[in-house]
PDB file of all heavy atoms in Angstrom:
ATOM      1  N   GLY A   1       0.322  -6.736   0.593  1.00  0.00           N
ATOM      2  CA  GLY A   1       1.065  -7.078  -0.609  1.00  0.00           C
ATOM      3  C   GLY A   1       0.123  -7.265  -1.773  1.00  0.00           C
ATOM      4  O   GLY A   1      -1.084  -7.464  -1.588  1.00  0.00           O
ATOM      5  N   PRO A   2       0.637  -7.229  -3.006  1.00  0.00           N
ATOM      6  CA  PRO A   2      -0.235  -7.343  -4.180  1.00  0.00           C
ATOM      7  C   PRO A   2      -0.861  -8.718  -4.343  1.00  0.00           C
ATOM      8  O   PRO A   2      -1.915  -8.862  -4.960  1.00  0.00           O
ATOM      9  CB  PRO A   2       0.714  -7.028  -5.347  1.00  0.00           C
ATOM     10  CG  PRO A   2       2.084  -7.349  -4.830  1.00  0.00           C
ATOM     11  CD  PRO A   2       2.053  -7.034  -3.364  1.00  0.00           C
ATOM     12  N   GLU A   3      -0.218  -9.753  -3.813  1.00  0.00           N
ATOM     13  CA  GLU A   3      -0.736 -11.111  -3.913  1.00  0.00           C
ATOM     14  C   GLU A   3      -0.202 -11.929  -2.739  1.00  0.00           C
ATOM     15  O   GLU A   3       0.819 -11.579  -2.140  1.00  0.00           O
ATOM     16  CB  GLU A   3      -0.317 -11.761  -5.223  1.00  0.00           C
ATOM     17  CG  GLU A   3       1.179 -11.833  -5.428  1.00  0.00           C
ATOM     18  CD  GLU A   3       1.560 -12.359  -6.793  1.00  0.00           C
ATOM     19  OE1 GLU A   3       0.736 -12.264  -7.719  1.00  0.00           O
ATOM     20  OE2 GLU A   3       2.691 -12.869  -6.928  1.00  0.00           O
ATOM     21  N   PRO A   4      -0.898 -13.021  -2.380  1.00  0.00           N
ATOM     22  CA  PRO A   4      -0.426 -13.826  -1.252  1.00  0.00           C
ATOM     23  C   PRO A   4       0.984 -14.367  -1.499  1.00  0.00           C
ATOM     24  O   PRO A   4       1.285 -14.889  -2.574  1.00  0.00           O
ATOM     25  CB  PRO A   4      -1.456 -14.958  -1.168  1.00  0.00           C
ATOM     26  CG  PRO A   4      -2.694 -14.393  -1.787  1.00  0.00           C
ATOM     27  CD  PRO A   4      -2.199 -13.498  -2.891  1.00  0.00           C
ATOM     28  N   ARG A   5       1.835 -14.239  -0.491  1.00  0.00           N
ATOM     29  CA  ARG A   5       3.204 -14.717  -0.584  1.00  0.00           C
ATOM     30  C   ARG A   5       3.737 -14.941   0.824  1.00  0.00           C
ATOM     31  O   ARG A   5       3.494 -14.128   1.710  1.00  0.00           O
ATOM     32  CB  ARG A   5       4.075 -13.698  -1.326  1.00  0.00           C
ATOM     33  CG  ARG A   5       5.528 -14.115  -1.505  1.00  0.00           C
ATOM     34  CD  ARG A   5       6.291 -13.036  -2.231  1.00  0.00           C
ATOM     35  NE  ARG A   5       7.693 -13.393  -2.430  1.00  0.00           N
ATOM     36  CZ  ARG A   5       8.601 -12.591  -2.981  1.00  0.00           C
ATOM     37  NH1 ARG A   5       8.233 -11.380  -3.397  1.00  0.00           N
ATOM     38  NH2 ARG A   5       9.840 -12.998  -3.113  1.00  0.00           N
ATOM     39  N   VAL A   6       4.450 -16.047   1.023  1.00  0.00           N
ATOM     40  CA  VAL A   6       5.001 -16.375   2.332  1.00  0.00           C
ATOM     41  C   VAL A   6       6.497 -16.584   2.187  1.00  0.00           C
ATOM     42  O   VAL A   6       6.947 -17.368   1.345  1.00  0.00           O
ATOM     43  CB  VAL A   6       4.336 -17.630   2.934  1.00  0.00           C
ATOM     44  CG1 VAL A   6       4.902 -17.923   4.321  1.00  0.00           C
ATOM     45  CG2 VAL A   6       2.818 -17.450   3.005  1.00  0.00           C
ATOM     46  N   THR A   7       7.275 -15.895   3.027  1.00  0.00           N
ATOM     47  CA  THR A   7       8.735 -15.935   2.948  1.00  0.00           C
ATOM     48  C   THR A   7       9.313 -16.219   4.317  1.00  0.00           C
ATOM     49  O   THR A   7       8.897 -15.617   5.308  1.00  0.00           O
ATOM     50  CB  THR A   7       9.291 -14.592   2.423  1.00  0.00           C
ATOM     51  OG1 THR A   7       8.640 -14.250   1.192  1.00  0.00           O
ATOM     52  CG2 THR A   7      10.799 -14.685   2.188  1.00  0.00           C
ATOM     53  N   ALA A   8      10.282 -17.149   4.359  1.00  0.00           N
ATOM     54  CA  ALA A   8      10.997 -17.447   5.601  1.00  0.00           C
ATOM     55  C   ALA A   8      12.299 -16.675   5.625  1.00  0.00           C
ATOM     56  O   ALA A   8      12.966 -16.522   4.596  1.00  0.00           O
ATOM     57  CB  ALA A   8      11.276 -18.947   5.709  1.00  0.00           C
ATOM     58  N   TYR A   9      12.668 -16.194   6.821  1.00  0.00           N
ATOM     59  CA  TYR A   9      13.908 -15.453   7.012  1.00  0.00           C
ATOM     60  C   TYR A   9      14.804 -16.223   7.987  1.00  0.00           C
ATOM     61  O   TYR A   9      14.690 -16.067   9.199  1.00  0.00           O
ATOM     62  CB  TYR A   9      13.633 -14.049   7.537  1.00  0.00           C
ATOM     63  CG  TYR A   9      13.130 -13.111   6.464  1.00  0.00           C
ATOM     64  CD1 TYR A   9      11.783 -13.116   6.109  1.00  0.00           C
ATOM     65  CD2 TYR A   9      13.988 -12.244   5.810  1.00  0.00           C
ATOM     66  CE1 TYR A   9      11.309 -12.268   5.118  1.00  0.00           C
ATOM     67  CE2 TYR A   9      13.532 -11.395   4.824  1.00  0.00           C
ATOM     68  CZ  TYR A   9      12.194 -11.415   4.483  1.00  0.00           C
ATOM     69  OH  TYR A   9      11.728 -10.581   3.495  1.00  0.00           O
ATOM     70  N   PRO A  10      15.702 -17.076   7.449  1.00  0.00           N
ATOM     71  CA  PRO A  10      16.643 -17.770   8.341  1.00  0.00           C
ATOM     72  C   PRO A  10      17.643 -16.783   8.933  1.00  0.00           C
ATOM     73  O   PRO A  10      18.003 -15.788   8.306  1.00  0.00           O
ATOM     74  CB  PRO A  10      17.352 -18.769   7.407  1.00  0.00           C
ATOM     75  CG  PRO A  10      16.517 -18.809   6.161  1.00  0.00           C
ATOM     76  CD  PRO A  10      15.864 -17.464   6.052  1.00  0.00           C
ATOM     77  N   ALA A  11      18.076 -17.065  10.151  1.00  0.00           N
ATOM     78  CA  ALA A  11      19.066 -16.207  10.791  1.00  0.00           C
ATOM     79  C   ALA A  11      20.372 -16.282  10.009  1.00  0.00           C
ATOM     80  O   ALA A  11      20.957 -17.352   9.856  1.00  0.00           O
ATOM     81  CB  ALA A  11      19.288 -16.647  12.234  1.00  0.00           C
ATOM     82  N   GLY A  12      20.813 -15.151   9.483  1.00  0.00           N
ATOM     83  CA  GLY A  12      22.076 -15.094   8.772  1.00  0.00           C
ATOM     84  C   GLY A  12      22.046 -15.664   7.374  1.00  0.00           C
ATOM     85  O   GLY A  12      23.085 -15.760   6.716  1.00  0.00           O
ATOM     86  N   GLY A  13      20.864 -16.051   6.879  1.00  0.00           N
ATOM     87  CA  GLY A  13      20.777 -16.628   5.549  1.00  0.00           C
ATOM     88  C   GLY A  13      19.876 -15.827   4.639  1.00  0.00           C
ATOM     89  O   GLY A  13      19.288 -14.819   5.033  1.00  0.00           O
ATOM     90  N   ALA A  14      19.756 -16.291   3.396  1.00  0.00           N
ATOM     91  CA  ALA A  14      18.929 -15.599   2.409  1.00  0.00           C
ATOM     92  C   ALA A  14      17.460 -15.955   2.609  1.00  0.00           C
ATOM     93  O   ALA A  14      17.136 -17.088   3.001  1.00  0.00           O
ATOM     94  CB  ALA A  14      19.371 -15.983   1.004  1.00  0.00           C
ATOM     95  N   PRO A  15      16.552 -15.027   2.347  1.00  0.00           N
ATOM     96  CA  PRO A  15      15.121 -15.334   2.447  1.00  0.00           C
ATOM     97  C   PRO A  15      14.721 -16.439   1.473  1.00  0.00           C
ATOM     98  O   PRO A  15      15.307 -16.583   0.398  1.00  0.00           O
ATOM     99  CB  PRO A  15      14.447 -14.005   2.094  1.00  0.00           C
ATOM    100  CG  PRO A  15      15.502 -12.966   2.288  1.00  0.00           C
ATOM    101  CD  PRO A  15      16.793 -13.622   1.985  1.00  0.00           C
ATOM    102  N   ARG A  16      13.699 -17.210   1.868  1.00  0.00           N
ATOM    103  CA  ARG A  16      13.228 -18.305   1.016  1.00  0.00           C
ATOM    104  C   ARG A  16      11.719 -18.245   0.923  1.00  0.00           C
ATOM    105  O   ARG A  16      11.022 -18.215   1.939  1.00  0.00           O
ATOM    106  CB  ARG A  16      13.646 -19.660   1.599  1.00  0.00           C
ATOM    107  CG  ARG A  16      15.135 -19.872   1.666  1.00  0.00           C
ATOM    108  CD  ARG A  16      15.456 -21.254   2.229  1.00  0.00           C
ATOM    109  NE  ARG A  16      14.887 -22.317   1.422  1.00  0.00           N
ATOM    110  CZ  ARG A  16      15.075 -23.617   1.685  1.00  0.00           C
ATOM    111  NH1 ARG A  16      15.787 -23.987   2.735  1.00  0.00           N
ATOM    112  NH2 ARG A  16      14.532 -24.537   0.906  1.00  0.00           N
ATOM    113  N   ASP A  17      11.188 -18.230  -0.307  1.00  0.00           N
ATOM    114  CA  ASP A  17       9.748 -18.334  -0.489  1.00  0.00           C
ATOM    115  C   ASP A  17       9.301 -19.750  -0.149  1.00  0.00           C
ATOM    116  O   ASP A  17       9.997 -20.733  -0.459  1.00  0.00           O
ATOM    117  CB  ASP A  17       9.365 -17.997  -1.925  1.00  0.00           C
ATOM    118  CG  ASP A  17       9.465 -16.509  -2.212  1.00  0.00           C
ATOM    119  OD1 ASP A  17       9.579 -15.727  -1.248  1.00  0.00           O
ATOM    120  OD2 ASP A  17       9.450 -16.132  -3.398  1.00  0.00           O
ATOM    121  N   LEU A  18       8.135 -19.866   0.483  1.00  0.00           N
ATOM    122  CA  LEU A  18       7.662 -21.143   0.993  1.00  0.00           C
ATOM    123  C   LEU A  18       6.426 -21.614   0.246  1.00  0.00           C
ATOM    124  O   LEU A  18       5.589 -20.812  -0.180  1.00  0.00           O
ATOM    125  CB  LEU A  18       7.323 -21.025   2.481  1.00  0.00           C
ATOM    126  CG  LEU A  18       8.430 -20.543   3.414  1.00  0.00           C
ATOM    127  CD1 LEU A  18       7.917 -20.502   4.850  1.00  0.00           C
ATOM    128  CD2 LEU A  18       9.650 -21.443   3.321  1.00  0.00           C
ATOM    129  N   ALA A  19       6.329 -22.946   0.111  1.00  0.00           N
ATOM    130  CA  ALA A  19       5.098 -23.556  -0.383  1.00  0.00           C
ATOM    131  C   ALA A  19       4.067 -23.514   0.732  1.00  0.00           C
ATOM    132  O   ALA A  19       4.376 -23.777   1.896  1.00  0.00           O
ATOM    133  CB  ALA A  19       5.365 -24.993  -0.816  1.00  0.00           C
ATOM    134  N   VAL A  20       2.833 -23.174   0.386  1.00  0.00           N
ATOM    135  CA  VAL A  20       1.779 -22.955   1.378  1.00  0.00           C
ATOM    136  C   VAL A  20       0.627 -23.906   1.130  1.00  0.00           C
ATOM    137  O   VAL A  20       0.196 -24.100  -0.009  1.00  0.00           O
ATOM    138  CB  VAL A  20       1.267 -21.499   1.327  1.00  0.00           C
ATOM    139  CG1 VAL A  20       0.163 -21.291   2.336  1.00  0.00           C
ATOM    140  CG2 VAL A  20       2.405 -20.533   1.563  1.00  0.00           C
ATOM    141  N   THR A  21       0.118 -24.495   2.194  1.00  0.00           N
ATOM    142  CA  THR A  21      -1.088 -25.314   2.143  1.00  0.00           C
ATOM    143  C   THR A  21      -2.115 -24.708   3.073  1.00  0.00           C
ATOM    144  O   THR A  21      -1.831 -24.505   4.261  1.00  0.00           O
ATOM    145  CB  THR A  21      -0.789 -26.762   2.564  1.00  0.00           C
ATOM    146  OG1 THR A  21       0.231 -27.299   1.726  1.00  0.00           O
ATOM    147  CG2 THR A  21      -2.044 -27.623   2.457  1.00  0.00           C
ATOM    148  N   ARG A  22      -3.302 -24.382   2.543  1.00  0.00           N
ATOM    149  CA  ARG A  22      -4.363 -23.860   3.403  1.00  0.00           C
ATOM    150  C   ARG A  22      -4.942 -25.001   4.229  1.00  0.00           C
ATOM    151  O   ARG A  22      -5.184 -26.089   3.732  1.00  0.00           O
ATOM    152  CB  ARG A  22      -5.468 -23.210   2.563  1.00  0.00           C
ATOM    153  CG  ARG A  22      -5.058 -21.978   1.805  1.00  0.00           C
ATOM    154  CD  ARG A  22      -4.611 -20.853   2.720  1.00  0.00           C
ATOM    155  NE  ARG A  22      -5.654 -20.382   3.594  1.00  0.00           N
ATOM    156  CZ  ARG A  22      -6.482 -19.371   3.307  1.00  0.00           C
ATOM    157  NH1 ARG A  22      -6.354 -18.729   2.167  1.00  0.00           N
ATOM    158  NH2 ARG A  22      -7.403 -18.988   4.157  1.00  0.00           N
ATOM    159  N   THR A  23      -5.156 -24.754   5.515  1.00  0.00           N
ATOM    160  CA  THR A  23      -5.759 -25.736   6.405  1.00  0.00           C
ATOM    161  C   THR A  23      -7.017 -25.130   7.009  1.00  0.00           C
ATOM    162  O   THR A  23      -7.297 -23.941   6.836  1.00  0.00           O
ATOM    163  CB  THR A  23      -4.790 -26.134   7.534  1.00  0.00           C
ATOM    164  OG1 THR A  23      -4.605 -24.997   8.411  1.00  0.00           O
ATOM    165  CG2 THR A  23      -3.445 -26.562   6.972  1.00  0.00           C
ATOM    166  N   ALA A  24      -7.752 -25.951   7.750  1.00  0.00           N
ATOM    167  CA  ALA A  24      -8.981 -25.450   8.369  1.00  0.00           C
ATOM    168  C   ALA A  24      -8.687 -24.364   9.381  1.00  0.00           C
ATOM    169  O   ALA A  24      -9.517 -23.495   9.634  1.00  0.00           O
ATOM    170  CB  ALA A  24      -9.732 -26.606   9.038  1.00  0.00           C
ATOM    171  N   SER A  25      -7.485 -24.389   9.986  1.00  0.00           N
ATOM    172  CA  SER A  25      -7.162 -23.430  11.041  1.00  0.00           C
ATOM    173  C   SER A  25      -6.268 -22.297  10.583  1.00  0.00           C
ATOM    174  O   SER A  25      -6.006 -21.365  11.336  1.00  0.00           O
ATOM    175  CB  SER A  25      -6.458 -24.161  12.202  1.00  0.00           C
ATOM    176  OG  SER A  25      -5.255 -24.766  11.749  1.00  0.00           O
TER     177      SER A  25
END
């Protein structure tokens, strides 16, 4: 993708962009 982006896909629902926190792992 052109830039980092994280999206959740609920079953039967609309996709949702997620807030992301980088961790050591």
